[in-house]
Structure formats: C-alpha cells, structure tokens
Protein backbone atom coordinates (compact mmCIF):
# COMPACT_ATOMS: atom_id res chain seq x y z
CA MET A 1 135.01 -7.57 -190.51
CA ASN A 2 131.22 -7.54 -190.28
CA PRO A 3 130.07 -3.87 -190.10
CA ASN A 4 127.78 -4.76 -187.23
CA GLU A 5 130.73 -6.21 -185.28
CA ALA A 6 132.97 -3.25 -186.03
CA SER A 7 130.52 -0.83 -184.45
CA ARG A 8 129.74 -2.96 -181.37
CA ARG A 9 131.33 -2.53 -177.98
CA PRO A 10 133.82 -5.39 -177.42
CA ILE A 11 132.39 -7.64 -174.68
CA ALA A 12 134.19 -10.89 -173.91
CA ALA A 13 131.05 -12.51 -172.50
CA ARG A 14 129.34 -12.18 -175.89
CA ASN A 15 131.41 -15.09 -177.18
CA THR A 16 130.63 -17.46 -174.32
CA SER A 17 128.32 -20.44 -174.60
CA TRP A 18 126.16 -19.38 -171.64
CA ALA A 19 125.49 -15.95 -173.14
CA ALA A 20 124.58 -17.49 -176.49
CA ALA A 21 122.23 -19.92 -174.75
CA VAL A 22 120.49 -17.16 -172.80
CA ALA A 23 120.17 -15.02 -175.95
CA ARG A 24 118.53 -17.92 -177.79
CA ARG A 25 116.06 -18.38 -174.95
CA LEU A 26 115.22 -14.68 -175.00
CA VAL A 27 114.62 -14.82 -178.75
CA LYS A 28 112.37 -17.86 -178.38
CA ALA A 29 110.49 -16.12 -175.57
CA GLY A 30 109.74 -13.21 -177.88
CA ALA A 31 111.98 -10.66 -176.15
CA ARG A 32 112.84 -7.62 -178.24
CA PRO A 33 116.14 -5.73 -177.98
CA ASN A 34 114.59 -2.30 -177.45
CA ILE A 35 112.64 -3.56 -174.43
CA ILE A 36 115.78 -5.17 -173.01
CA SER A 37 117.58 -1.84 -173.46
CA VAL A 38 114.86 -0.03 -171.53
CA PHE A 39 115.20 -2.56 -168.70
CA SER A 40 118.89 -1.65 -168.43
CA ALA A 41 117.76 1.82 -167.30
CA VAL A 42 115.22 0.26 -164.94
CA PHE A 43 117.92 -1.80 -163.26
CA GLY A 44 120.26 1.19 -163.22
CA GLY A 45 117.52 3.20 -161.55
CA LEU A 46 116.96 0.47 -158.97
CA ALA A 47 120.69 0.40 -158.24
CA GLY A 48 120.72 4.16 -157.74
CA LEU A 49 117.64 3.95 -155.52
CA ALA A 50 119.27 1.21 -153.45
CA PHE A 51 122.35 3.40 -152.96
CA TRP A 52 120.15 6.35 -151.93
CA LEU A 53 118.13 4.21 -149.52
CA GLY A 54 121.38 2.91 -148.05
CA GLY A 55 122.18 6.47 -147.07
CA ARG A 56 118.92 6.58 -145.12
CA SER A 57 119.10 3.14 -143.56
CA GLU A 58 118.89 2.94 -139.79
CA SER A 59 120.05 -0.62 -139.24
CA PRO A 60 123.05 -2.69 -140.34
CA THR A 61 120.73 -5.20 -141.98
CA ALA A 62 119.02 -2.53 -144.09
CA TRP A 63 122.42 -1.13 -145.08
CA ILE A 64 123.66 -4.54 -146.22
CA VAL A 65 120.47 -5.23 -148.18
CA CYS A 66 120.67 -1.84 -149.91
CA LEU A 67 124.32 -2.22 -150.89
CA LEU A 68 123.85 -5.78 -152.14
CA GLY A 69 120.78 -4.59 -154.04
CA ALA A 70 122.80 -1.81 -155.66
CA ALA A 71 125.49 -4.30 -156.71
CA ALA A 72 122.86 -6.65 -158.16
CA GLY A 73 121.15 -3.80 -160.02
CA MET A 74 124.40 -2.72 -161.66
CA GLN A 75 125.19 -6.24 -162.82
CA LEU A 76 121.67 -6.77 -164.16
CA ARG A 77 122.05 -3.50 -166.03
CA LEU A 78 125.21 -4.87 -167.68
CA LEU A 79 123.45 -8.12 -168.57
CA CYS A 80 120.75 -6.11 -170.34
CA ASN A 81 123.49 -4.25 -172.21
CA LEU A 82 124.91 -7.60 -173.26
CA PHE A 83 121.70 -9.25 -174.37
CA ASP A 84 120.00 -6.35 -176.16
CA GLY A 85 122.73 -6.40 -178.81
CA MET A 86 122.85 -10.18 -179.02
CA VAL A 87 119.10 -10.44 -179.51
CA ALA A 88 119.19 -7.63 -182.07
CA ILE A 89 122.03 -9.04 -184.17
CA GLU A 90 122.03 -12.79 -183.61
CA GLY A 91 118.24 -12.93 -183.33
CA GLY A 92 117.65 -10.75 -186.38
CA PHE A 93 115.58 -8.14 -184.53
CA LYS A 94 117.69 -5.08 -185.31
CA THR A 95 115.50 -2.00 -185.86
CA ARG A 96 116.03 1.49 -187.26
CA SER A 97 115.48 2.99 -183.81
CA GLY A 98 117.69 0.43 -182.11
CA GLU A 99 120.65 2.77 -181.76
CA VAL A 100 118.51 5.25 -179.83
CA PHE A 101 117.32 2.55 -177.45
CA ASN A 102 120.87 1.21 -177.19
CA GLU A 103 122.37 4.56 -176.16
CA LEU A 104 119.76 6.66 -174.33
CA PRO A 105 118.87 4.21 -171.51
CA ASP A 106 122.59 3.83 -170.78
CA ARG A 107 122.97 7.53 -170.13
CA PHE A 108 120.09 7.44 -167.65
CA SER A 109 121.51 4.28 -166.05
CA ASP A 110 124.85 5.94 -165.39
CA ALA A 111 123.21 9.03 -163.95
CA PHE A 112 120.96 7.00 -161.65
CA VAL A 113 123.83 4.86 -160.35
CA PHE A 114 126.38 7.59 -159.69
CA ILE A 115 124.04 10.23 -158.33
CA GLY A 116 122.51 7.64 -156.01
CA ALA A 117 125.97 6.51 -154.91
CA GLY A 118 126.84 10.08 -154.03
CA TYR A 119 124.22 9.97 -151.28
CA ALA A 120 124.84 6.38 -150.16
CA LEU A 121 126.44 6.96 -146.77
CA PRO A 122 124.26 7.47 -143.67
CA ILE A 123 126.93 9.82 -142.30
CA GLN A 124 127.54 12.06 -145.29
CA VAL A 125 131.14 12.57 -146.36
CA VAL A 126 131.90 16.14 -147.40
CA GLY A 127 132.14 16.34 -151.18
CA MET A 128 130.75 12.88 -151.83
CA PRO A 129 127.52 14.10 -153.49
CA ALA A 130 129.65 16.27 -155.78
CA LEU A 131 131.73 13.21 -156.69
CA GLY A 132 128.54 11.35 -157.60
CA TRP A 133 127.30 14.13 -159.84
CA LEU A 134 130.73 14.58 -161.44
CA ALA A 135 130.99 10.84 -162.11
CA ALA A 136 127.58 10.99 -163.79
CA VAL A 137 128.61 13.93 -165.97
CA LEU A 138 131.85 12.25 -167.02
CA ALA A 139 130.06 8.99 -167.82
CA VAL A 140 127.82 10.90 -170.21
CA ALA A 141 130.82 12.81 -171.56
CA THR A 142 132.70 9.62 -172.50
CA ALA A 143 129.69 8.48 -174.53
CA TYR A 144 129.26 11.94 -176.04
CA VAL A 145 132.88 12.03 -177.23
CA ARG A 146 132.48 8.62 -178.88
CA ALA A 147 129.22 9.64 -180.58
CA MET A 148 130.70 12.98 -181.65
CA GLY A 149 133.61 11.15 -183.25
CA VAL A 150 131.29 8.89 -185.22
CA ALA A 151 129.27 11.90 -186.38
CA ALA A 152 132.51 13.54 -187.55
CA GLY A 153 133.47 10.45 -189.52
CA SER A 154 135.65 8.38 -187.19
CA SER A 155 135.11 4.78 -186.13
CA GLN A 156 133.66 3.86 -182.75
CA HIS A 157 136.15 4.24 -179.90
CA PHE A 158 135.28 2.32 -176.74
CA CYS A 159 138.68 2.60 -175.04
CA GLY A 160 138.98 3.12 -171.30
CA PRO A 161 140.30 3.02 -168.71
CA MET A 162 136.79 3.89 -167.50
CA ALA A 163 134.33 2.67 -170.11
CA LYS A 164 130.90 1.40 -169.08
CA GLN A 165 131.94 -2.06 -167.89
CA GLN A 166 134.83 -0.65 -165.85
CA ARG A 167 132.61 1.99 -164.25
CA MET A 168 130.11 -0.62 -163.14
CA ALA A 169 132.86 -3.00 -162.02
CA VAL A 170 134.43 -0.33 -159.78
CA MET A 171 131.11 0.62 -158.18
CA THR A 172 129.99 -3.00 -157.78
CA VAL A 173 133.20 -3.85 -155.92
CA ALA A 174 132.85 -0.66 -153.86
CA ALA A 175 129.28 -1.58 -152.92
CA LEU A 176 130.23 -5.12 -151.91
CA ILE A 177 133.13 -3.90 -149.78
CA ALA A 178 131.00 -1.17 -148.18
CA ALA A 179 128.36 -3.76 -147.29
CA ALA A 180 130.88 -5.18 -144.80
CA SER A 181 131.01 -1.93 -142.81
CA PRO A 182 128.89 -3.31 -139.91
CA TRP A 183 131.95 -5.51 -139.16
CA TRP A 184 134.67 -3.23 -140.55
CA THR A 185 133.89 0.46 -140.19
CA ASP A 186 136.46 1.64 -142.73
CA ALA A 187 134.81 -0.52 -145.43
CA ALA A 188 132.29 2.28 -146.07
CA LYS A 189 135.16 4.40 -147.40
CA ALA A 190 135.10 2.17 -150.49
CA LEU A 191 132.15 4.19 -151.84
CA PRO A 192 133.78 7.64 -152.01
CA LEU A 193 136.99 5.94 -153.13
CA GLY A 194 135.11 4.15 -155.92
CA LEU A 195 133.51 7.39 -157.08
CA GLY A 196 136.90 9.08 -157.02
CA ILE A 197 138.37 6.32 -159.18
CA VAL A 198 135.49 6.65 -161.65
CA VAL A 199 135.96 10.42 -161.86
CA ALA A 200 139.74 10.19 -162.38
CA GLY A 201 139.36 7.35 -164.88
CA GLY A 202 136.54 9.19 -166.64
CA LEU A 203 138.74 12.22 -167.23
CA VAL A 204 141.50 10.04 -168.69
CA THR A 205 138.96 8.22 -170.87
CA VAL A 206 137.57 11.46 -172.30
CA PHE A 207 141.07 12.64 -173.23
CA ARG A 208 142.12 9.26 -174.65
CA ARG A 209 139.02 8.94 -176.83
CA THR A 210 139.30 12.53 -178.00
CA GLY A 211 142.94 12.03 -178.93
CA ARG A 212 142.26 8.85 -180.88
CA ILE A 213 139.35 10.42 -182.72
CA VAL A 214 141.35 13.50 -183.67
CA ARG A 215 144.28 11.41 -184.91
CA GLU A 216 141.99 9.18 -186.95
CA LEU A 217 140.17 12.12 -188.54
CA GLU A 218 143.40 13.95 -189.33
CA SER A 219 144.84 10.84 -191.01
CA GLN A 220 141.88 10.46 -193.40
C-alpha cells in the first residue's frame, strides 16, 4: 500500500469521478491544500455562528435560515477536508507543514460547530450548553488519541463510531430536522439529541481507538 494512502482517513467520496474532477479544477485554478484546510475552519466557524445566531433568532424565517446555514457550513467544511488531501497528493502539492494545516483547522472547526450548537435554541434547554462543550472536548480527544498513538509508534486509527464524518453527519441531520420546528415544535429537540449522540459516540470512539492502539503497540 502507498504510505500516503495508509496514513489518510478513508473517505469513500475520494474515489468518485465528481471528486476527482473538482480536485483537478482546483489544481488548475492554483488552489493550494493548506489554504483549503484553513477554509475548513472558516466554514466550521460559520456553521457555529449560524447555530449561535439561531439561538437568538426572533422569527421562524430567521431560525430556518440559521439552521440551514449551519448545515451548509458543516458540509462545506467536510468538502474542504476532502479536497485538501486530494489536491496535496493527487496534485503534487504536499508540503512539510501540510500535516499541521490538515489537523489544526479541524480541531477549531469541531469546537466552533459544537459550542455554537450548544447555544442554538432560542428557549435554552438546561444542560445543552454543557453538551456542546463536552462534544467539542471529545471531538478533540478522539483526534488526540489517534495522534498520540502515531507518536508512540502505532498506525493511524480512524475508527468510529463517532469520527469526524459521523459527527458532522449527526449534527447536519439534527440541524435540518430542527429547521422544521416552526411546523413541528418537537423538531427542535433534534439538536440536544444530536449533541447527546455525539457525546456518547465520542466516548466510545476514544475507548475503541485507545484499545486498538494499545493492542497494536503491545504486539510489536
């Protein structure tokens, strides 16, 4: 296996024709992977801001716009995560500092999204801000465990059930469901439920990754 492939997060979309076509266009346009990585944090920040503004919206229309904006921001963040690696590897623009740009913006993106989501309801649910902060901490912890394993000599472990793509998928679905709350009041409960799922899944992910890393290191 190519060493570059072995250390990359498995993303099914990477092997699709549309992704390859977009990556080629980005390369031709002069896009650089480190800049794309930075934009992932920008979109994550916009998603978090949209969640936060949703919690201060005073009309159903503003609420819907904020929640749809948060969902769009999270998906654009994931697209940046897809194309920064494709442009770096397939486009031949990999740099020595690329790993820093690949990892650090992601940690900010997660924090922006989950902390913003914790304050996303106009009528605040008790404990929801704490869920947002805890989800942010666990998102960083899953990445820390993976990086710690690599530093100790193990291979990269991207297992879930709550890796980056799953975290964003859960919160995107939660945002889209919650956007329907002007017609279905209980739909807003999707946000604290989504954060709860991310927290529970994050705990399992930390333990699963830690276990795999320990077993791999002990078998060397």
